[in-house]
N, C-alpha and C. Protein backbone atom coordinates (compact mmCIF):
# COMPACT_ATOMS: atom_id res chain seq x y z
N UNK A 1 -206.49 39.89 -115.60
CA UNK A 1 -206.40 39.03 -114.08
C UNK A 1 -205.74 39.68 -113.07
N UNK A 2 -204.23 39.93 -113.85
CA UNK A 2 -203.64 40.62 -112.76
C UNK A 2 -203.73 41.45 -112.19
N UNK A 3 -204.48 42.80 -113.01
CA UNK A 3 -205.34 44.12 -112.42
C UNK A 3 -205.87 43.65 -111.55
N UNK A 4 -207.36 42.63 -111.90
CA UNK A 4 -207.81 43.05 -110.74
C UNK A 4 -207.69 42.56 -109.42
N UNK A 5 -206.37 41.53 -109.34
CA UNK A 5 -206.47 40.49 -108.03
C UNK A 5 -205.47 41.95 -107.56
N UNK A 6 -205.09 42.57 -108.09
CA UNK A 6 -203.51 43.95 -107.50
C UNK A 6 -204.75 45.06 -106.66
N UNK A 7 -205.29 45.14 -107.69
CA UNK A 7 -206.65 46.01 -106.51
C UNK A 7 -207.22 45.27 -105.46
N UNK A 8 -207.30 44.16 -105.57
CA UNK A 8 -208.34 43.26 -104.39
C UNK A 8 -206.48 43.36 -103.56
N UNK A 9 -205.45 43.21 -103.83
CA UNK A 9 -204.57 43.02 -102.64
C UNK A 9 -204.31 44.33 -101.83
N UNK A 10 -203.98 45.63 -102.84
CA UNK A 10 -203.92 46.60 -102.71
C UNK A 10 -205.48 47.30 -101.15
N UNK A 11 -206.40 47.03 -102.15
CA UNK A 11 -207.23 47.55 -101.11
C UNK A 11 -207.19 46.45 -99.61
N UNK A 12 -206.89 45.22 -99.60
CA UNK A 12 -207.03 44.63 -98.46
C UNK A 12 -205.69 45.04 -97.26
N UNK A 13 -204.50 45.80 -98.15
CA UNK A 13 -203.29 46.18 -97.12
C UNK A 13 -203.45 47.75 -97.06
N UNK A 14 -204.80 48.38 -97.18
CA UNK A 14 -204.89 49.29 -97.36
C UNK A 14 -204.37 50.65 -97.75
N UNK A 15 -203.85 50.46 -99.15
CA UNK A 15 -203.12 51.29 -99.92
C UNK A 15 -204.10 51.57 -101.22
N UNK A 16 -204.85 51.04 -101.55
CA UNK A 16 -205.93 51.76 -102.52
C UNK A 16 -206.39 52.55 -102.06
N UNK A 17 -206.81 52.93 -100.90
CA UNK A 17 -208.08 53.74 -100.14
C UNK A 17 -207.39 55.03 -100.31
N UNK A 18 -206.18 55.01 -99.78
CA UNK A 18 -205.69 56.73 -100.10
C UNK A 18 -205.24 56.93 -101.57
N UNK A 19 -204.91 55.76 -102.82
CA UNK A 19 -204.27 56.26 -103.57
C UNK A 19 -206.16 56.87 -104.23
N UNK A 20 -206.86 56.13 -104.22
CA UNK A 20 -208.48 56.76 -104.68
C UNK A 20 -208.44 58.26 -104.13
N UNK A 21 -208.61 58.41 -102.72
CA UNK A 21 -208.81 60.06 -102.26
C UNK A 21 -207.93 60.51 -103.02
N UNK A 22 -206.46 60.78 -103.40
CA UNK A 22 -205.70 60.97 -103.97
C UNK A 22 -205.92 61.71 -105.11
N UNK A 23 -205.89 60.19 -106.34
CA UNK A 23 -206.27 60.24 -107.76
C UNK A 23 -207.66 60.76 -107.53
N UNK A 24 -208.51 60.58 -107.40
CA UNK A 24 -210.02 60.80 -107.52
C UNK A 24 -210.38 59.79 -108.30
N UNK A 25 -211.55 59.74 -108.97
CA UNK A 25 -212.29 58.87 -110.10
C UNK A 25 -211.49 58.13 -111.16
N UNK A 26 -210.08 58.28 -110.88
CA UNK A 26 -209.14 57.79 -112.01
C UNK A 26 -208.31 56.37 -111.64
N UNK A 27 -208.88 56.80 -110.28
CA UNK A 27 -208.11 54.86 -109.84
C UNK A 27 -209.18 54.51 -109.64
N UNK A 28 -210.33 54.33 -109.89
CA UNK A 28 -211.63 54.00 -109.62
C UNK A 28 -211.96 53.05 -111.34
N UNK A 29 -210.74 53.08 -111.99
CA UNK A 29 -210.94 52.77 -113.86
C UNK A 29 -211.12 51.33 -113.48
N UNK A 30 -211.53 50.86 -115.14
CA UNK A 30 -211.45 49.32 -114.84
C UNK A 30 -210.35 48.26 -114.29
N UNK A 31 -210.35 47.14 -114.20
CA UNK A 31 -209.15 46.16 -113.77
C UNK A 31 -209.29 46.64 -112.13
N UNK A 32 -208.12 47.22 -111.85
CA UNK A 32 -207.43 47.87 -110.43
C UNK A 32 -208.87 48.12 -110.07
N UNK A 33 -209.23 49.26 -110.60
CA UNK A 33 -210.60 49.82 -109.86
C UNK A 33 -211.64 48.74 -109.73
N UNK A 34 -211.90 47.86 -110.45
CA UNK A 34 -212.78 46.88 -110.17
C UNK A 34 -212.28 45.31 -109.09
N UNK A 35 -211.00 45.60 -109.30
CA UNK A 35 -211.22 44.32 -107.58
C UNK A 35 -211.07 45.27 -106.74
N UNK A 36 -210.35 46.43 -106.76
CA UNK A 36 -210.91 47.71 -105.23
C UNK A 36 -212.55 47.34 -104.75
N UNK A 37 -213.02 47.48 -106.03
CA UNK A 37 -214.52 47.81 -105.59
C UNK A 37 -215.33 46.05 -105.01
N UNK A 38 -214.51 44.94 -105.67
CA UNK A 38 -215.07 43.69 -105.26
C UNK A 38 -214.54 43.70 -103.51
N UNK A 39 -213.06 43.87 -103.36
CA UNK A 39 -212.63 44.25 -102.11
C UNK A 39 -213.80 44.87 -101.10
N UNK A 40 -214.11 45.80 -101.16
CA UNK A 40 -214.99 46.75 -100.21
C UNK A 40 -216.31 45.90 -100.33
N UNK A 41 -216.67 45.80 -101.75
CA UNK A 41 -218.35 44.74 -101.40
C UNK A 41 -218.20 44.16 -100.90
N UNK A 42 -217.24 42.91 -100.17
CA UNK A 42 -217.16 41.89 -99.83
C UNK A 42 -216.43 42.47 -98.15
N UNK A 43 -215.79 43.38 -97.67
CA UNK A 43 -215.48 43.69 -96.54
C UNK A 43 -217.11 44.10 -96.11
N UNK A 44 -217.73 44.78 -96.59
CA UNK A 44 -218.64 45.47 -96.20
C UNK A 44 -219.79 44.65 -95.92
N UNK A 45 -219.87 43.30 -96.79
CA UNK A 45 -220.73 42.31 -96.18
C UNK A 45 -220.02 41.70 -95.13
N UNK A 46 -218.96 41.11 -95.07
CA UNK A 46 -218.87 40.35 -93.96
C UNK A 46 -219.23 41.15 -92.46
N UNK A 47 -218.78 42.36 -92.71
CA UNK A 47 -218.96 42.77 -91.50
C UNK A 47 -220.96 43.35 -91.45
N UNK A 48 -221.73 43.12 -92.11
CA UNK A 48 -222.84 42.91 -92.09
C UNK A 48 -223.08 41.61 -91.75
N UNK A 49 -222.98 40.47 -92.72
CA UNK A 49 -223.47 39.87 -92.53
C UNK A 49 -222.53 38.47 -92.15
N UNK A 50 -221.27 38.83 -91.70
CA UNK A 50 -220.18 37.39 -91.05
C UNK A 50 -219.71 36.72 -92.36
N UNK A 51 -219.62 35.59 -92.37
CA UNK A 51 -219.37 34.64 -93.07
C UNK A 51 -219.64 34.62 -94.36
N UNK A 52 -220.80 35.19 -94.38
CA UNK A 52 -221.44 34.96 -95.56
C UNK A 52 -221.27 35.61 -96.68
N UNK A 53 -220.76 37.11 -96.07
CA UNK A 53 -220.33 38.41 -96.89
C UNK A 53 -219.06 37.43 -97.55
N UNK A 54 -218.61 36.86 -97.25
CA UNK A 54 -217.19 36.44 -99.03
C UNK A 54 -218.27 35.71 -99.67
N UNK A 55 -218.99 35.55 -99.70
CA UNK A 55 -219.71 34.65 -100.77
C UNK A 55 -220.47 35.96 -101.83
N UNK A 56 -221.41 36.35 -100.94
CA UNK A 56 -222.18 37.34 -101.81
C UNK A 56 -221.54 39.02 -102.06
N UNK A 57 -220.87 39.61 -101.28
CA UNK A 57 -220.38 41.00 -101.00
C UNK A 57 -219.62 41.13 -102.80
N UNK A 58 -218.80 40.02 -103.31
CA UNK A 58 -218.29 40.74 -104.75
C UNK A 58 -219.26 40.97 -105.66
N UNK A 59 -220.84 39.66 -105.43
CA UNK A 59 -221.62 40.02 -106.65
C UNK A 59 -222.21 41.00 -105.89
N UNK A 60 -222.67 41.39 -104.99
CA UNK A 60 -223.31 42.91 -105.13
C UNK A 60 -222.67 44.17 -105.78
N UNK A 61 -221.15 44.13 -105.18
CA UNK A 61 -220.28 45.03 -105.39
C UNK A 61 -220.14 45.58 -106.96
N UNK A 62 -219.86 44.73 -107.24
CA UNK A 62 -219.59 44.49 -109.19
C UNK A 62 -220.92 44.15 -109.75
N UNK A 63 -222.17 43.98 -108.70
CA UNK A 63 -223.52 43.57 -110.22
C UNK A 63 -223.43 44.87 -111.31
N UNK A 64 -223.65 46.29 -110.83
CA UNK A 64 -223.84 46.78 -111.89
C UNK A 64 -222.96 47.27 -112.86
N UNK A 65 -221.48 46.92 -112.53
CA UNK A 65 -220.73 46.86 -114.08
C UNK A 65 -220.80 46.36 -114.74
N UNK A 66 -220.65 44.87 -114.05
CA UNK A 66 -220.79 43.50 -114.81
C UNK A 66 -222.44 43.62 -115.85
N UNK A 67 -223.43 43.62 -115.10
CA UNK A 67 -224.48 44.35 -115.40
C UNK A 67 -224.26 45.39 -116.79
N UNK A 68 -223.84 46.59 -117.02
CA UNK A 68 -224.20 47.30 -117.96
C UNK A 68 -222.79 46.94 -118.90
N UNK A 69 -221.87 46.49 -118.57
CA UNK A 69 -221.10 45.44 -119.98
C UNK A 69 -221.91 44.39 -120.48
N UNK A 70 -222.72 44.09 -119.63
CA UNK A 70 -223.55 43.20 -120.94
C UNK A 70 -224.72 43.31 -121.44
N UNK A 71 -225.22 44.39 -120.84
CA UNK A 71 -226.31 45.55 -121.68
C UNK A 71 -225.42 45.60 -122.95
N UNK A 72 -224.62 46.55 -122.72
CA UNK A 72 -223.51 47.32 -123.85
C UNK A 72 -223.13 46.58 -125.12
N UNK A 73 -222.62 45.76 -124.32
CA UNK A 73 -221.98 44.14 -125.54
C UNK A 73 -223.41 43.59 -126.29
N UNK A 74 -224.79 43.71 -125.55
CA UNK A 74 -225.78 42.68 -125.88
C UNK A 74 -226.84 43.92 -127.27
N UNK A 75 -226.39 45.09 -126.67
CA UNK A 75 -226.91 46.41 -127.68
C UNK A 75 -226.51 46.36 -128.92
N UNK A 76 -224.98 46.16 -128.69
CA UNK A 76 -223.93 46.94 -129.75
C UNK A 76 -224.03 45.20 -130.61
N UNK A 77 -224.32 43.99 -130.31
CA UNK A 77 -224.57 42.86 -131.05
C UNK A 77 -225.54 43.33 -132.14
N UNK A 78 -226.72 43.80 -131.65
CA UNK A 78 -227.80 44.39 -132.35
C UNK A 78 -227.31 45.05 -133.20
N UNK A 79 -226.38 45.80 -133.66
CA UNK A 79 -226.33 46.78 -134.68
C UNK A 79 -224.72 46.19 -135.42
N UNK A 80 -224.34 45.25 -135.01
CA UNK A 80 -223.17 45.11 -135.78
C UNK A 80 -222.86 43.44 -135.93
N UNK A 81 -222.22 43.03 -136.64
CA UNK A 81 -222.81 41.52 -137.27
C UNK A 81 -221.00 40.86 -137.46
N UNK A 82 -220.67 39.92 -136.00
CA UNK A 82 -219.31 39.52 -135.74
C UNK A 82 -219.10 38.80 -137.07
N UNK A 83 -217.39 38.85 -137.53
CA UNK A 83 -217.36 38.34 -138.80
C UNK A 83 -215.84 37.26 -138.16
N UNK A 84 -215.82 35.75 -138.69
CA UNK A 84 -214.83 35.00 -138.44
C UNK A 84 -213.13 35.43 -138.76
N UNK A 85 -212.71 35.13 -138.47
CA UNK A 85 -211.16 35.14 -138.95
C UNK A 85 -210.34 34.29 -139.51
């Protein structure tokens, strides 16, 4: 949670975008990159829709990664059986 919030904060103050340009796709890896994509989605939605973009931007920006994680988790559960510890 700390790294996701850090990605949002670094994006908000304008530090993360130059880091992405310098490091390339490596800076957009999970956790801090996920927070940065949430920030970008909210920023774009606010520019387009105003105040309501605060609520819709994060969902639209992060929906692809979240959907992929759920789908791959479901497929993995079809092939493997969980065991209680």
